[in-house]
């Protein structure tokens, strides 16, 4: 699947200026993450379990 076929969305914590944003796209196999400021860089992906662990950790502050 190419990057253009994924549906990307920004974090609800992203600033309104759009200057520091992470975008994610969810597929059956993985969660894909990219920097919205530099779309020329490749995105990376993590499995659903890894993403769940990351979100839990981030939520703890």
PDB file of N, CA and C in Angstrom:
ATOM      1  N   UNK A   1       0.861  -1.182   0.000  1.00  0.00           N
ATOM      2  CA  UNK A   1       0.000   0.000   0.000  1.00  0.00           C
ATOM      3  C   UNK A   1       0.902   1.238   0.000  1.00  0.00           C
ATOM      4  N   UNK A   2       0.653   2.147  -0.858  1.00  0.00           N
ATOM      5  CA  UNK A   2       1.463   3.364  -0.907  1.00  0.00           C
ATOM      6  C   UNK A   2       0.963   4.372   0.119  1.00  0.00           C
ATOM      7  N   UNK A   3       1.802   5.348   0.404  1.00  0.00           N
ATOM      8  CA  UNK A   3       1.464   6.370   1.387  1.00  0.00           C
ATOM      9  C   UNK A   3       0.226   7.148   0.968  1.00  0.00           C
ATOM     10  N   UNK A   4       0.025   7.348  -0.328  1.00  0.00           N
ATOM     11  CA  UNK A   4      -1.112   8.137  -0.790  1.00  0.00           C
ATOM     12  C   UNK A   4      -2.433   7.410  -0.591  1.00  0.00           C
ATOM     13  N   UNK A   5      -2.412   6.099  -0.433  1.00  0.00           N
ATOM     14  CA  UNK A   5      -3.640   5.343  -0.233  1.00  0.00           C
ATOM     15  C   UNK A   5      -4.074   5.295   1.228  1.00  0.00           C
ATOM     16  N   UNK A   6      -3.207   5.705   2.107  1.00  0.00           N
ATOM     17  CA  UNK A   6      -3.540   5.693   3.528  1.00  0.00           C
ATOM     18  C   UNK A   6      -4.317   6.950   3.892  1.00  0.00           C
ATOM     19  N   UNK A   7      -5.176   6.818   4.870  1.00  0.00           N
ATOM     20  CA  UNK A   7      -5.917   7.974   5.377  1.00  0.00           C
ATOM     21  C   UNK A   7      -5.175   8.470   6.610  1.00  0.00           C
ATOM     22  N   UNK A   8      -4.510   9.616   6.478  1.00  0.00           N
ATOM     23  CA  UNK A   8      -3.707  10.179   7.554  1.00  0.00           C
ATOM     24  C   UNK A   8      -4.532  11.163   8.368  1.00  0.00           C
ATOM     25  N   UNK A   9      -4.298  11.182   9.666  1.00  0.00           N
ATOM     26  CA  UNK A   9      -4.939  12.193  10.505  1.00  0.00           C
ATOM     27  C   UNK A   9      -3.946  12.684  11.543  1.00  0.00           C
ATOM     28  N   UNK A  10      -4.157  13.919  11.975  1.00  0.00           N
ATOM     29  CA  UNK A  10      -3.259  14.554  12.932  1.00  0.00           C
ATOM     30  C   UNK A  10      -3.718  14.285  14.352  1.00  0.00           C
ATOM     31  N   UNK A  11      -2.776  14.331  15.238  1.00  0.00           N
ATOM     32  CA  UNK A  11      -3.067  14.188  16.653  1.00  0.00           C
ATOM     33  C   UNK A  11      -3.978  15.317  17.109  1.00  0.00           C
ATOM     34  N   UNK A  12      -4.878  15.013  18.006  1.00  0.00           N
ATOM     35  CA  UNK A  12      -5.745  16.050  18.574  1.00  0.00           C
ATOM     36  C   UNK A  12      -4.938  17.017  19.433  1.00  0.00           C
ATOM     37  N   UNK A  13      -3.711  16.662  19.786  1.00  0.00           N
ATOM     38  CA  UNK A  13      -2.847  17.534  20.579  1.00  0.00           C
ATOM     39  C   UNK A  13      -1.975  18.439  19.713  1.00  0.00           C
ATOM     40  N   UNK A  14      -2.090  18.318  18.402  1.00  0.00           N
ATOM     41  CA  UNK A  14      -1.287  19.158  17.512  1.00  0.00           C
ATOM     42  C   UNK A  14      -1.724  20.608  17.632  1.00  0.00           C
ATOM     43  N   UNK A  15      -0.765  21.498  17.526  1.00  0.00           N
ATOM     44  CA  UNK A  15      -1.072  22.920  17.600  1.00  0.00           C
ATOM     45  C   UNK A  15      -1.867  23.386  16.393  1.00  0.00           C
ATOM     46  N   UNK A  16      -2.587  24.459  16.553  1.00  0.00           N
ATOM     47  CA  UNK A  16      -3.397  25.001  15.460  1.00  0.00           C
ATOM     48  C   UNK A  16      -2.539  25.599  14.360  1.00  0.00           C
ATOM     49  N   UNK A  17      -1.273  25.894  14.662  1.00  0.00           N
ATOM     50  CA  UNK A  17      -0.366  26.459  13.664  1.00  0.00           C
ATOM     51  C   UNK A  17       0.140  25.394  12.690  1.00  0.00           C
ATOM     52  N   UNK A  18       0.020  24.133  13.050  1.00  0.00           N
ATOM     53  CA  UNK A  18       0.471  23.051  12.195  1.00  0.00           C
ATOM     54  C   UNK A  18       1.981  22.935  12.096  1.00  0.00           C
ATOM     55  N   UNK A  19       2.701  23.547  13.044  1.00  0.00           N
ATOM     56  CA  UNK A  19       4.150  23.568  12.954  1.00  0.00           C
ATOM     57  C   UNK A  19       4.844  22.377  13.608  1.00  0.00           C
ATOM     58  N   UNK A  20       4.163  21.637  14.430  1.00  0.00           N
ATOM     59  CA  UNK A  20       4.772  20.463  15.048  1.00  0.00           C
ATOM     60  C   UNK A  20       3.712  19.374  15.140  1.00  0.00           C
ATOM     61  N   UNK A  21       3.677  18.571  14.126  1.00  0.00           N
ATOM     62  CA  UNK A  21       2.577  17.619  14.046  1.00  0.00           C
ATOM     63  C   UNK A  21       3.039  16.236  13.642  1.00  0.00           C
ATOM     64  N   UNK A  22       2.466  15.281  14.290  1.00  0.00           N
ATOM     65  CA  UNK A  22       2.638  13.885  13.920  1.00  0.00           C
ATOM     66  C   UNK A  22       1.311  13.424  13.344  1.00  0.00           C
ATOM     67  N   UNK A  23       1.382  12.677  12.260  1.00  0.00           N
ATOM     68  CA  UNK A  23       0.178  12.126  11.661  1.00  0.00           C
ATOM     69  C   UNK A  23       0.257  10.607  11.729  1.00  0.00           C
ATOM     70  N   UNK A  24      -0.888   9.979  11.843  1.00  0.00           N
ATOM     71  CA  UNK A  24      -0.942   8.523  11.857  1.00  0.00           C
ATOM     72  C   UNK A  24      -1.972   8.038  10.845  1.00  0.00           C
ATOM     73  N   UNK A  25      -1.738   6.844  10.368  1.00  0.00           N
ATOM     74  CA  UNK A  25      -2.687   6.159   9.488  1.00  0.00           C
ATOM     75  C   UNK A  25      -2.800   4.732  10.002  1.00  0.00           C
ATOM     76  N   UNK A  26      -4.006   4.259  10.129  1.00  0.00           N
ATOM     77  CA  UNK A  26      -4.247   2.933  10.683  1.00  0.00           C
ATOM     78  C   UNK A  26      -4.604   1.976   9.550  1.00  0.00           C
ATOM     79  N   UNK A  27      -3.886   0.863   9.490  1.00  0.00           N
ATOM     80  CA  UNK A  27      -4.202  -0.192   8.540  1.00  0.00           C
ATOM     81  C   UNK A  27      -4.438  -1.475   9.329  1.00  0.00           C
ATOM     82  N   UNK A  28      -4.840  -2.493   8.657  1.00  0.00           N
ATOM     83  CA  UNK A  28      -5.085  -3.759   9.332  1.00  0.00           C
ATOM     84  C   UNK A  28      -3.809  -4.292   9.970  1.00  0.00           C
ATOM     85  N   UNK A  29      -2.696  -4.141   9.286  1.00  0.00           N
ATOM     86  CA  UNK A  29      -1.446  -4.730   9.747  1.00  0.00           C
ATOM     87  C   UNK A  29      -0.674  -3.878  10.736  1.00  0.00           C
ATOM     88  N   UNK A  30      -0.831  -2.540  10.692  1.00  0.00           N
ATOM     89  CA  UNK A  30       0.049  -1.700  11.497  1.00  0.00           C
ATOM     90  C   UNK A  30      -0.495  -0.289  11.641  1.00  0.00           C
ATOM     91  N   UNK A  31       0.164   0.462  12.506  1.00  0.00           N
ATOM     92  CA  UNK A  31      -0.075   1.888  12.659  1.00  0.00           C
ATOM     93  C   UNK A  31       1.122   2.581  12.009  1.00  0.00           C
ATOM     94  N   UNK A  32       0.867   3.487  11.086  1.00  0.00           N
ATOM     95  CA  UNK A  32       1.922   4.194  10.370  1.00  0.00           C
ATOM     96  C   UNK A  32       2.015   5.612  10.925  1.00  0.00           C
ATOM     97  N   UNK A  33       3.235   6.086  11.092  1.00  0.00           N
ATOM     98  CA  UNK A  33       3.481   7.391  11.706  1.00  0.00           C
ATOM     99  C   UNK A  33       4.389   8.199  10.784  1.00  0.00           C
ATOM    100  N   UNK A  34       4.084   9.494  10.638  1.00  0.00           N
ATOM    101  CA  UNK A  34       4.935  10.364   9.832  1.00  0.00           C
ATOM    102  C   UNK A  34       4.951  11.772  10.404  1.00  0.00           C
ATOM    103  N   UNK A  35       5.949  12.530   9.989  1.00  0.00           N
ATOM    104  CA  UNK A  35       6.102  13.931  10.361  1.00  0.00           C
ATOM    105  C   UNK A  35       5.432  14.761   9.276  1.00  0.00           C
ATOM    106  N   UNK A  36       4.398  15.488   9.614  1.00  0.00           N
ATOM    107  CA  UNK A  36       3.649  16.241   8.602  1.00  0.00           C
ATOM    108  C   UNK A  36       4.451  17.405   8.024  1.00  0.00           C
ATOM    109  N   UNK A  37       5.531  17.802   8.699  1.00  0.00           N
ATOM    110  CA  UNK A  37       6.356  18.901   8.192  1.00  0.00           C
ATOM    111  C   UNK A  37       7.316  18.440   7.110  1.00  0.00           C
ATOM    112  N   UNK A  38       7.569  17.147   7.030  1.00  0.00           N
ATOM    113  CA  UNK A  38       8.558  16.621   6.096  1.00  0.00           C
ATOM    114  C   UNK A  38       8.040  15.336   5.461  1.00  0.00           C
ATOM    115  N   UNK A  39       7.130  15.482   4.518  1.00  0.00           N
ATOM    116  CA  UNK A  39       6.509  14.323   3.888  1.00  0.00           C
ATOM    117  C   UNK A  39       7.457  13.569   2.960  1.00  0.00           C
ATOM    118  N   UNK A  40       8.612  14.153   2.648  1.00  0.00           N
ATOM    119  CA  UNK A  40       9.589  13.461   1.814  1.00  0.00           C
ATOM    120  C   UNK A  40      10.275  12.332   2.591  1.00  0.00           C
ATOM    121  N   UNK A  41      10.291  12.453   3.899  1.00  0.00           N
ATOM    122  CA  UNK A  41      10.879  11.399   4.735  1.00  0.00           C
ATOM    123  C   UNK A  41       9.915  10.229   4.799  1.00  0.00           C
ATOM    124  N   UNK A  42      10.442   9.033   4.863  1.00  0.00           N
ATOM    125  CA  UNK A  42       9.548   7.871   4.940  1.00  0.00           C
ATOM    126  C   UNK A  42       8.841   7.801   6.296  1.00  0.00           C
ATOM    127  N   UNK A  43       7.655   7.255   6.267  1.00  0.00           N
ATOM    128  CA  UNK A  43       6.953   7.022   7.531  1.00  0.00           C
ATOM    129  C   UNK A  43       7.507   5.737   8.140  1.00  0.00           C
ATOM    130  N   UNK A  44       7.158   5.479   9.387  1.00  0.00           N
ATOM    131  CA  UNK A  44       7.513   4.205   9.991  1.00  0.00           C
ATOM    132  C   UNK A  44       6.243   3.567  10.522  1.00  0.00           C
ATOM    133  N   UNK A  45       6.298   2.293  10.761  1.00  0.00           N
ATOM    134  CA  UNK A  45       5.105   1.607  11.230  1.00  0.00           C
ATOM    135  C   UNK A  45       5.436   0.747  12.436  1.00  0.00           C
ATOM    136  N   UNK A  46       4.429   0.552  13.256  1.00  0.00           N
ATOM    137  CA  UNK A  46       4.531  -0.315  14.429  1.00  0.00           C
ATOM    138  C   UNK A  46       3.300  -1.205  14.461  1.00  0.00           C
ATOM    139  N   UNK A  47       3.438  -2.337  15.085  1.00  0.00           N
ATOM    140  CA  UNK A  47       2.307  -3.230  15.249  1.00  0.00           C
ATOM    141  C   UNK A  47       1.296  -2.644  16.227  1.00  0.00           C
ATOM    142  N   UNK A  48       0.114  -3.197  16.209  1.00  0.00           N
ATOM    143  CA  UNK A  48      -0.953  -2.684  17.083  1.00  0.00           C
ATOM    144  C   UNK A  48      -0.594  -2.804  18.564  1.00  0.00           C
ATOM    145  N   UNK A  49       0.041  -3.894  18.946  1.00  0.00           N
ATOM    146  CA  UNK A  49       0.432  -4.055  20.358  1.00  0.00           C
ATOM    147  C   UNK A  49       1.461  -3.006  20.761  1.00  0.00           C
ATOM    148  N   UNK A  50       2.434  -2.774  19.903  1.00  0.00           N
ATOM    149  CA  UNK A  50       3.441  -1.755  20.180  1.00  0.00           C
ATOM    150  C   UNK A  50       2.833  -0.373  20.282  1.00  0.00           C
ATOM    151  N   UNK A  51       1.879  -0.068  19.403  1.00  0.00           N
ATOM    152  CA  UNK A  51       1.209   1.235  19.422  1.00  0.00           C
ATOM    153  C   UNK A  51       0.411   1.397  20.715  1.00  0.00           C
ATOM    154  N   UNK A  52      -0.279   0.352  21.118  1.00  0.00           N
ATOM    155  CA  UNK A  52      -1.061   0.398  22.355  1.00  0.00           C
ATOM    156  C   UNK A  52      -0.156   0.677  23.557  1.00  0.00           C
ATOM    157  N   UNK A  53       0.977   0.022  23.599  1.00  0.00           N
ATOM    158  CA  UNK A  53       1.919   0.248  24.697  1.00  0.00           C
ATOM    159  C   UNK A  53       2.440   1.685  24.675  1.00  0.00           C
ATOM    160  N   UNK A  54       2.747   2.198  23.490  1.00  0.00           N
ATOM    161  CA  UNK A  54       3.234   3.572  23.377  1.00  0.00           C
ATOM    162  C   UNK A  54       2.185   4.575  23.857  1.00  0.00           C
ATOM    163  N   UNK A  55       0.945   4.403  23.433  1.00  0.00           N
ATOM    164  CA  UNK A  55      -0.121   5.340  23.824  1.00  0.00           C
ATOM    165  C   UNK A  55      -0.346   5.281  25.334  1.00  0.00           C
ATOM    166  N   UNK A  56      -0.322   4.106  25.914  1.00  0.00           N
ATOM    167  CA  UNK A  56      -0.470   3.993  27.374  1.00  0.00           C
ATOM    168  C   UNK A  56       0.659   4.729  28.093  1.00  0.00           C
ATOM    169  N   UNK A  57       1.875   4.539  27.605  1.00  0.00           N
ATOM    170  CA  UNK A  57       3.032   5.200  28.205  1.00  0.00           C
ATOM    171  C   UNK A  57       2.921   6.724  28.067  1.00  0.00           C
ATOM    172  N   UNK A  58       2.568   7.184  26.874  1.00  0.00           N
ATOM    173  CA  UNK A  58       2.451   8.628  26.641  1.00  0.00           C
ATOM    174  C   UNK A  58       1.348   9.246  27.476  1.00  0.00           C
ATOM    175  N   UNK A  59       0.281   8.517  27.718  1.00  0.00           N
ATOM    176  CA  UNK A  59      -0.837   9.035  28.502  1.00  0.00           C
ATOM    177  C   UNK A  59      -0.458   9.249  29.971  1.00  0.00           C
ATOM    178  N   UNK A  60       0.561   8.525  30.419  1.00  0.00           N
ATOM    179  CA  UNK A  60       1.000   8.673  31.808  1.00  0.00           C
ATOM    180  C   UNK A  60       1.832   9.919  32.034  1.00  0.00           C
ATOM    181  N   UNK A  61       2.216  10.573  30.959  1.00  0.00           N
ATOM    182  CA  UNK A  61       2.968  11.825  31.082  1.00  0.00           C
ATOM    183  C   UNK A  61       4.414  11.599  31.083  1.00  0.00           C
TER     184      UNK A  61
END
